[in-house]
Amino acid sequence: MIVFIIMLALSMISIPLVYYLFDRIGLKILFLMYYLLSFIFLLKNVNLLNIDFSLMILSYVSCLSIVYIFIEKINIKDMRKILKMIIPFVALILISIIISVLYNQSVTDVVTVNLKRMVESNVLLLILYPIITTLSIYCTYKIYNIMKKNSNILFINISLTTILVGILDCIIFYIIGNIGTMDFVSSIKLGLGNYLLKIILSLIFLPIISYVNKRKKGVQ
């Protein structure tokens, strides 16, 4: 609980601080860092207040919070460039997974043996992650812009976008990704836990998104 609160506080502080110090370039780097962290914590499932969820959800929501800021701060052309920045990360992740599965380690290499075993037992989840998250980030961008045309209220726009996209990147993702490694009920429970946490965290990040959006644009 304490570790989670500390991680949340650091995430909330880092976004406005990095924007203040390094403007949008800093946010682009922070976006990629959070995306990588969300992948690293993907297999770390925890239980907090009787809710099962993956620790990656905190870094992932931080990523999406930066996406909401980008939508307000930059034009469509630059937004597409940022979305394309994920592609090399996706390729690197997928290649790393394939290499990990195909690599034949020595008998005494205990660390690599355990790592390979972990990758092999979660290979579907690991492969789906970069694909689903890239699609979800794109959907977040498109749906949020549709919401903006009908409402200028940030709370409504982000809440509805989170609820809609969360069905894909939380519930569907964990049901499909855990086929063969987790029973259906446990997958649903984990997916719903992530879905609930995503909605709550998105609301918690609202003041940060609003604050950064209201700051004067700097030089990109």
C-alpha atoms as a PDB file:
ATOM      1  CA  MET A   1       0.000   0.000   0.000  1.00  0.00           C
ATOM      2  CA  ILE A   2       2.752   2.449   0.995  1.00  0.00           C
ATOM      3  CA  VAL A   3       4.862   1.535  -2.039  1.00  0.00           C
ATOM      4  CA  PHE A   4       1.876   2.056  -4.333  1.00  0.00           C
ATOM      5  CA  ILE A   5       1.137   5.492  -2.827  1.00  0.00           C
ATOM      6  CA  ILE A   6       4.799   6.537  -3.188  1.00  0.00           C
ATOM      7  CA  MET A   7       4.836   5.413  -6.843  1.00  0.00           C
ATOM      8  CA  LEU A   8       1.598   7.308  -7.466  1.00  0.00           C
ATOM      9  CA  ALA A   9       2.959  10.477  -5.856  1.00  0.00           C
ATOM     10  CA  LEU A  10       6.167  10.294  -7.908  1.00  0.00           C
ATOM     11  CA  SER A  11       4.178   9.816 -11.114  1.00  0.00           C
ATOM     12  CA  MET A  12       1.951  12.799 -10.373  1.00  0.00           C
ATOM     13  CA  ILE A  13       4.901  15.032  -9.511  1.00  0.00           C
ATOM     14  CA  SER A  14       7.048  13.991 -12.474  1.00  0.00           C
ATOM     15  CA  ILE A  15       4.615  15.048 -15.216  1.00  0.00           C
ATOM     16  CA  PRO A  16       4.269  18.778 -14.336  1.00  0.00           C
ATOM     17  CA  LEU A  17       7.898  18.942 -13.191  1.00  0.00           C
ATOM     18  CA  VAL A  18       9.284  17.495 -16.436  1.00  0.00           C
ATOM     19  CA  TYR A  19       7.008  19.751 -18.474  1.00  0.00           C
ATOM     20  CA  TYR A  20       8.169  22.802 -16.493  1.00  0.00           C
ATOM     21  CA  LEU A  21      11.856  21.927 -16.933  1.00  0.00           C
ATOM     22  CA  PHE A  22      11.965  20.434 -20.444  1.00  0.00           C
ATOM     23  CA  ASP A  23       8.634  21.314 -22.076  1.00  0.00           C
ATOM     24  CA  ARG A  24       7.079  18.888 -24.558  1.00  0.00           C
ATOM     25  CA  ILE A  25      10.363  17.193 -25.426  1.00  0.00           C
ATOM     26  CA  GLY A  26      10.674  16.137 -21.804  1.00  0.00           C
ATOM     27  CA  LEU A  27       7.116  14.779 -21.843  1.00  0.00           C
ATOM     28  CA  LYS A  28       7.899  12.689 -24.919  1.00  0.00           C
ATOM     29  CA  ILE A  29      10.838  11.073 -23.128  1.00  0.00           C
ATOM     30  CA  LEU A  30       8.752  10.593 -19.972  1.00  0.00           C
ATOM     31  CA  PHE A  31       6.004   9.007 -22.067  1.00  0.00           C
ATOM     32  CA  LEU A  32       8.421   6.391 -23.419  1.00  0.00           C
ATOM     33  CA  MET A  33       9.844   5.766 -19.934  1.00  0.00           C
ATOM     34  CA  TYR A  34       6.396   5.127 -18.476  1.00  0.00           C
ATOM     35  CA  TYR A  35       5.501   2.873 -21.381  1.00  0.00           C
ATOM     36  CA  LEU A  36       8.624   0.794 -20.757  1.00  0.00           C
ATOM     37  CA  LEU A  37       7.920   0.683 -17.010  1.00  0.00           C
ATOM     38  CA  SER A  38       4.377  -0.509 -17.624  1.00  0.00           C
ATOM     39  CA  PHE A  39       5.768  -3.417 -19.632  1.00  0.00           C
ATOM     40  CA  ILE A  40       8.329  -4.252 -16.933  1.00  0.00           C
ATOM     41  CA  PHE A  41       5.593  -4.399 -14.260  1.00  0.00           C
ATOM     42  CA  LEU A  42       3.138  -6.269 -16.505  1.00  0.00           C
ATOM     43  CA  LEU A  43       3.572  -9.632 -14.759  1.00  0.00           C
ATOM     44  CA  LYS A  44       3.594  -8.187 -11.241  1.00  0.00           C
ATOM     45  CA  ASN A  45       0.083  -8.781  -9.910  1.00  0.00           C
ATOM     46  CA  VAL A  46      -0.838  -7.439  -6.473  1.00  0.00           C
ATOM     47  CA  ASN A  47      -3.839  -7.354  -4.184  1.00  0.00           C
ATOM     48  CA  LEU A  48      -4.802  -4.044  -2.598  1.00  0.00           C
ATOM     49  CA  LEU A  49      -7.953  -3.651  -0.507  1.00  0.00           C
ATOM     50  CA  ASN A  50      -9.133  -7.024  -1.839  1.00  0.00           C
ATOM     51  CA  ILE A  51      -8.740  -5.858  -5.457  1.00  0.00           C
ATOM     52  CA  ASP A  52      -6.487  -7.851  -7.793  1.00  0.00           C
ATOM     53  CA  PHE A  53      -4.641  -5.784 -10.378  1.00  0.00           C
ATOM     54  CA  SER A  54      -1.360  -5.529 -12.242  1.00  0.00           C
ATOM     55  CA  LEU A  55       1.204  -3.009 -11.026  1.00  0.00           C
ATOM     56  CA  MET A  56       1.677  -1.864 -14.618  1.00  0.00           C
ATOM     57  CA  ILE A  57      -1.608   0.036 -14.518  1.00  0.00           C
ATOM     58  CA  LEU A  58      -0.030   2.969 -12.667  1.00  0.00           C
ATOM     59  CA  SER A  59       2.681   3.572 -15.289  1.00  0.00           C
ATOM     60  CA  TYR A  60       0.195   2.922 -18.073  1.00  0.00           C
ATOM     61  CA  VAL A  61      -2.276   5.539 -16.801  1.00  0.00           C
ATOM     62  CA  SER A  62       0.657   7.966 -16.477  1.00  0.00           C
ATOM     63  CA  CYS A  63       1.310   7.333 -20.185  1.00  0.00           C
ATOM     64  CA  LEU A  64      -2.299   8.033 -21.065  1.00  0.00           C
ATOM     65  CA  SER A  65      -2.283  11.205 -18.956  1.00  0.00           C
ATOM     66  CA  ILE A  66       0.602  12.481 -21.080  1.00  0.00           C
ATOM     67  CA  VAL A  67      -1.390  11.551 -24.203  1.00  0.00           C
ATOM     68  CA  TYR A  68      -4.263  13.783 -23.017  1.00  0.00           C
ATOM     69  CA  ILE A  69      -1.774  16.623 -22.537  1.00  0.00           C
ATOM     70  CA  PHE A  70      -0.309  16.051 -26.010  1.00  0.00           C
ATOM     71  CA  ILE A  71      -3.760  16.268 -27.570  1.00  0.00           C
ATOM     72  CA  GLU A  72      -4.158  19.782 -26.162  1.00  0.00           C
ATOM     73  CA  LYS A  73      -0.579  20.954 -26.646  1.00  0.00           C
ATOM     74  CA  ILE A  74       0.380  19.800 -30.138  1.00  0.00           C
ATOM     75  CA  ASN A  75      -1.174  19.504 -33.588  1.00  0.00           C
ATOM     76  CA  ILE A  76      -2.444  16.357 -35.288  1.00  0.00           C
ATOM     77  CA  LYS A  77       0.727  15.878 -37.357  1.00  0.00           C
ATOM     78  CA  ASP A  78       2.971  15.903 -34.291  1.00  0.00           C
ATOM     79  CA  MET A  79       0.558  13.644 -32.411  1.00  0.00           C
ATOM     80  CA  ARG A  80       0.852  11.043 -35.146  1.00  0.00           C
ATOM     81  CA  LYS A  81       4.647  11.247 -34.894  1.00  0.00           C
ATOM     82  CA  ILE A  82       4.430  10.531 -31.178  1.00  0.00           C
ATOM     83  CA  LEU A  83       2.167   7.553 -31.781  1.00  0.00           C
ATOM     84  CA  LYS A  84       4.718   6.235 -34.271  1.00  0.00           C
ATOM     85  CA  MET A  85       7.415   6.507 -31.584  1.00  0.00           C
ATOM     86  CA  ILE A  86       5.852   3.451 -29.963  1.00  0.00           C
ATOM     87  CA  ILE A  87       6.516   1.257 -33.003  1.00  0.00           C
ATOM     88  CA  PRO A  88      10.279   0.763 -32.339  1.00  0.00           C
ATOM     89  CA  PHE A  89       9.433  -0.089 -28.717  1.00  0.00           C
ATOM     90  CA  VAL A  90       6.857  -2.622 -29.885  1.00  0.00           C
ATOM     91  CA  ALA A  91       9.351  -4.182 -32.311  1.00  0.00           C
ATOM     92  CA  LEU A  92      12.070  -4.306 -29.648  1.00  0.00           C
ATOM     93  CA  ILE A  93       9.742  -5.945 -27.128  1.00  0.00           C
ATOM     94  CA  LEU A  94       8.526  -8.577 -29.576  1.00  0.00           C
ATOM     95  CA  ILE A  95      12.069  -9.371 -30.763  1.00  0.00           C
ATOM     96  CA  SER A  96      13.247  -9.662 -27.144  1.00  0.00           C
ATOM     97  CA  ILE A  97      10.433 -12.109 -26.369  1.00  0.00           C
ATOM     98  CA  ILE A  98      11.265 -14.264 -29.407  1.00  0.00           C
ATOM     99  CA  ILE A  99      14.976 -14.288 -28.549  1.00  0.00           C
ATOM    100  CA  SER A 100      14.220 -15.204 -24.936  1.00  0.00           C
ATOM    101  CA  VAL A 101      12.113 -18.176 -26.054  1.00  0.00           C
ATOM    102  CA  LEU A 102      14.612 -19.406 -28.653  1.00  0.00           C
ATOM    103  CA  TYR A 103      17.778 -18.880 -26.589  1.00  0.00           C
ATOM    104  CA  ASN A 104      19.348 -22.086 -25.270  1.00  0.00           C
ATOM    105  CA  GLN A 105      21.003 -21.258 -21.984  1.00  0.00           C
ATOM    106  CA  SER A 106      23.533 -23.342 -20.046  1.00  0.00           C
ATOM    107  CA  VAL A 107      22.334 -25.624 -17.260  1.00  0.00           C
ATOM    108  CA  THR A 108      24.074 -23.524 -14.603  1.00  0.00           C
ATOM    109  CA  ASP A 109      22.544 -20.245 -15.809  1.00  0.00           C
ATOM    110  CA  VAL A 110      19.728 -20.220 -13.245  1.00  0.00           C
ATOM    111  CA  VAL A 111      18.705 -16.593 -13.847  1.00  0.00           C
ATOM    112  CA  THR A 112      18.219 -17.074 -17.593  1.00  0.00           C
ATOM    113  CA  VAL A 113      16.431 -20.395 -17.025  1.00  0.00           C
ATOM    114  CA  ASN A 114      13.897 -18.742 -14.702  1.00  0.00           C
ATOM    115  CA  LEU A 115      13.494 -15.759 -17.023  1.00  0.00           C
ATOM    116  CA  LYS A 116      12.894 -18.022 -20.024  1.00  0.00           C
ATOM    117  CA  ARG A 117      10.384 -20.070 -18.052  1.00  0.00           C
ATOM    118  CA  MET A 118       8.528 -16.906 -17.054  1.00  0.00           C
ATOM    119  CA  VAL A 119       8.456 -15.641 -20.644  1.00  0.00           C
ATOM    120  CA  GLU A 120       7.287 -18.986 -22.030  1.00  0.00           C
ATOM    121  CA  SER A 121       4.465 -19.264 -19.503  1.00  0.00           C
ATOM    122  CA  ASN A 122       3.252 -15.714 -20.270  1.00  0.00           C
ATOM    123  CA  VAL A 123       4.210 -15.432 -23.933  1.00  0.00           C
ATOM    124  CA  LEU A 124       0.670 -14.615 -25.140  1.00  0.00           C
ATOM    125  CA  LEU A 125       0.264 -11.825 -22.578  1.00  0.00           C
ATOM    126  CA  LEU A 126       3.693 -10.370 -23.408  1.00  0.00           C
ATOM    127  CA  ILE A 127       3.097 -10.410 -27.154  1.00  0.00           C
ATOM    128  CA  LEU A 128      -0.405  -8.962 -26.878  1.00  0.00           C
ATOM    129  CA  TYR A 129       0.672  -6.143 -24.580  1.00  0.00           C
ATOM    130  CA  PRO A 130       2.478  -3.882 -27.096  1.00  0.00           C
ATOM    131  CA  ILE A 131      -0.193  -4.554 -29.717  1.00  0.00           C
ATOM    132  CA  ILE A 132      -3.179  -3.857 -27.450  1.00  0.00           C
ATOM    133  CA  THR A 133      -1.620  -0.817 -25.756  1.00  0.00           C
ATOM    134  CA  THR A 134      -0.670   0.764 -29.087  1.00  0.00           C
ATOM    135  CA  LEU A 135      -4.233   0.244 -30.306  1.00  0.00           C
ATOM    136  CA  SER A 136      -5.609   1.573 -27.015  1.00  0.00           C
ATOM    137  CA  ILE A 137      -3.483   4.721 -27.117  1.00  0.00           C
ATOM    138  CA  TYR A 138      -4.711   5.366 -30.646  1.00  0.00           C
ATOM    139  CA  CYS A 139      -8.326   4.758 -29.570  1.00  0.00           C
ATOM    140  CA  THR A 140      -7.818   7.094 -26.599  1.00  0.00           C
ATOM    141  CA  TYR A 141      -6.641   9.812 -28.983  1.00  0.00           C
ATOM    142  CA  LYS A 142      -9.573   9.328 -31.392  1.00  0.00           C
ATOM    143  CA  ILE A 143     -12.352   8.913 -28.804  1.00  0.00           C
ATOM    144  CA  TYR A 144     -11.148  11.849 -26.687  1.00  0.00           C
ATOM    145  CA  ASN A 145     -11.211  14.117 -29.742  1.00  0.00           C
ATOM    146  CA  ILE A 146     -14.765  12.977 -30.514  1.00  0.00           C
ATOM    147  CA  MET A 147     -15.769  13.740 -26.917  1.00  0.00           C
ATOM    148  CA  LYS A 148     -14.191  17.208 -27.176  1.00  0.00           C
ATOM    149  CA  LYS A 149     -16.511  18.116 -30.023  1.00  0.00           C
ATOM    150  CA  ASN A 150     -19.530  17.598 -27.772  1.00  0.00           C
ATOM    151  CA  SER A 151     -18.177  18.702 -24.406  1.00  0.00           C
ATOM    152  CA  ASN A 152     -15.556  21.092 -23.035  1.00  0.00           C
ATOM    153  CA  ILE A 153     -15.608  19.476 -19.606  1.00  0.00           C
ATOM    154  CA  LEU A 154     -12.318  17.633 -19.026  1.00  0.00           C
ATOM    155  CA  PHE A 155     -13.826  15.351 -16.377  1.00  0.00           C
ATOM    156  CA  ILE A 156     -16.518  14.063 -18.729  1.00  0.00           C
ATOM    157  CA  ASN A 157     -14.191  13.652 -21.709  1.00  0.00           C
ATOM    158  CA  ILE A 158     -11.515  11.711 -19.839  1.00  0.00           C
ATOM    159  CA  SER A 159     -13.981   9.651 -17.802  1.00  0.00           C
ATOM    160  CA  LEU A 160     -15.957   8.444 -20.810  1.00  0.00           C
ATOM    161  CA  THR A 161     -12.804   7.814 -22.846  1.00  0.00           C
ATOM    162  CA  THR A 162     -11.317   5.779 -19.995  1.00  0.00           C
ATOM    163  CA  ILE A 163     -14.502   3.741 -19.529  1.00  0.00           C
ATOM    164  CA  LEU A 164     -14.757   2.896 -23.232  1.00  0.00           C
ATOM    165  CA  VAL A 165     -11.088   2.158 -23.945  1.00  0.00           C
ATOM    166  CA  GLY A 166     -10.692   0.306 -20.639  1.00  0.00           C
ATOM    167  CA  ILE A 167     -12.911  -2.490 -21.944  1.00  0.00           C
ATOM    168  CA  LEU A 168     -10.206  -3.206 -24.522  1.00  0.00           C
ATOM    169  CA  ASP A 169      -6.928  -2.674 -22.665  1.00  0.00           C
ATOM    170  CA  CYS A 170      -8.067  -4.096 -19.322  1.00  0.00           C
ATOM    171  CA  ILE A 171     -10.895  -6.613 -19.545  1.00  0.00           C
ATOM    172  CA  ILE A 172     -10.456  -8.069 -23.055  1.00  0.00           C
ATOM    173  CA  PHE A 173      -6.662  -7.900 -22.822  1.00  0.00           C
ATOM    174  CA  TYR A 174      -6.443  -9.909 -19.603  1.00  0.00           C
ATOM    175  CA  ILE A 175      -9.076 -12.460 -20.640  1.00  0.00           C
ATOM    176  CA  ILE A 176      -7.288 -13.272 -23.907  1.00  0.00           C
ATOM    177  CA  GLY A 177      -3.748 -12.765 -22.625  1.00  0.00           C
ATOM    178  CA  ASN A 178      -4.131 -15.203 -19.733  1.00  0.00           C
ATOM    179  CA  ILE A 179      -5.593 -18.078 -21.749  1.00  0.00           C
ATOM    180  CA  GLY A 180      -3.765 -21.204 -20.667  1.00  0.00           C
ATOM    181  CA  THR A 181      -2.086 -19.602 -17.653  1.00  0.00           C
ATOM    182  CA  MET A 182      -5.042 -18.514 -15.536  1.00  0.00           C
ATOM    183  CA  ASP A 183      -8.628 -19.714 -15.181  1.00  0.00           C
ATOM    184  CA  PHE A 184     -11.421 -17.591 -16.670  1.00  0.00           C
ATOM    185  CA  VAL A 185     -12.760 -16.322 -13.337  1.00  0.00           C
ATOM    186  CA  SER A 186      -9.303 -15.192 -12.192  1.00  0.00           C
ATOM    187  CA  SER A 187      -8.698 -13.474 -15.554  1.00  0.00           C
ATOM    188  CA  ILE A 188     -12.008 -11.618 -15.262  1.00  0.00           C
ATOM    189  CA  LYS A 189     -11.209 -10.618 -11.683  1.00  0.00           C
ATOM    190  CA  LEU A 190      -7.766  -9.307 -12.681  1.00  0.00           C
ATOM    191  CA  GLY A 191      -9.167  -7.492 -15.720  1.00  0.00           C
ATOM    192  CA  LEU A 192     -11.946  -5.852 -13.701  1.00  0.00           C
ATOM    193  CA  GLY A 193      -9.429  -4.864 -11.010  1.00  0.00           C
ATOM    194  CA  ASN A 194      -7.270  -3.142 -13.605  1.00  0.00           C
ATOM    195  CA  TYR A 195     -10.375  -1.566 -15.154  1.00  0.00           C
ATOM    196  CA  LEU A 196     -11.477  -0.126 -11.812  1.00  0.00           C
ATOM    197  CA  LEU A 197      -7.974   1.132 -10.960  1.00  0.00           C
ATOM    198  CA  LYS A 198      -7.602   2.687 -14.405  1.00  0.00           C
ATOM    199  CA  ILE A 199     -10.795   4.705 -13.935  1.00  0.00           C
ATOM    200  CA  ILE A 200      -9.824   5.796 -10.409  1.00  0.00           C
ATOM    201  CA  LEU A 201      -6.259   6.722 -11.391  1.00  0.00           C
ATOM    202  CA  SER A 202      -7.479   8.648 -14.447  1.00  0.00           C
ATOM    203  CA  LEU A 203      -9.639  10.783 -12.148  1.00  0.00           C
ATOM    204  CA  ILE A 204      -6.746  11.257  -9.728  1.00  0.00           C
ATOM    205  CA  PHE A 205      -4.552  12.488 -12.591  1.00  0.00           C
ATOM    206  CA  LEU A 206      -7.230  14.959 -13.753  1.00  0.00           C
ATOM    207  CA  PRO A 207      -5.876  17.970 -11.781  1.00  0.00           C
ATOM    208  CA  ILE A 208      -2.369  17.287 -13.153  1.00  0.00           C
ATOM    209  CA  ILE A 209      -3.645  17.125 -16.739  1.00  0.00           C
ATOM    210  CA  SER A 210      -5.704  20.282 -16.239  1.00  0.00           C
ATOM    211  CA  TYR A 211      -2.775  22.160 -14.663  1.00  0.00           C
ATOM    212  CA  VAL A 212      -0.316  21.301 -17.442  1.00  0.00           C
ATOM    213  CA  ASN A 213      -2.873  22.048 -20.162  1.00  0.00           C
ATOM    214  CA  LYS A 214      -3.417  25.540 -18.751  1.00  0.00           C
ATOM    215  CA  ARG A 215       0.290  26.375 -18.723  1.00  0.00           C
ATOM    216  CA  LYS A 216       1.582  28.521 -21.547  1.00  0.00           C
ATOM    217  CA  LYS A 217       3.032  26.628 -24.487  1.00  0.00           C
ATOM    218  CA  GLY A 218       6.783  26.522 -24.718  1.00  0.00           C
ATOM    219  CA  VAL A 219       9.143  25.749 -27.535  1.00  0.00           C
ATOM    220  CA  GLN A 220       8.947  22.164 -28.793  1.00  0.00           C
END
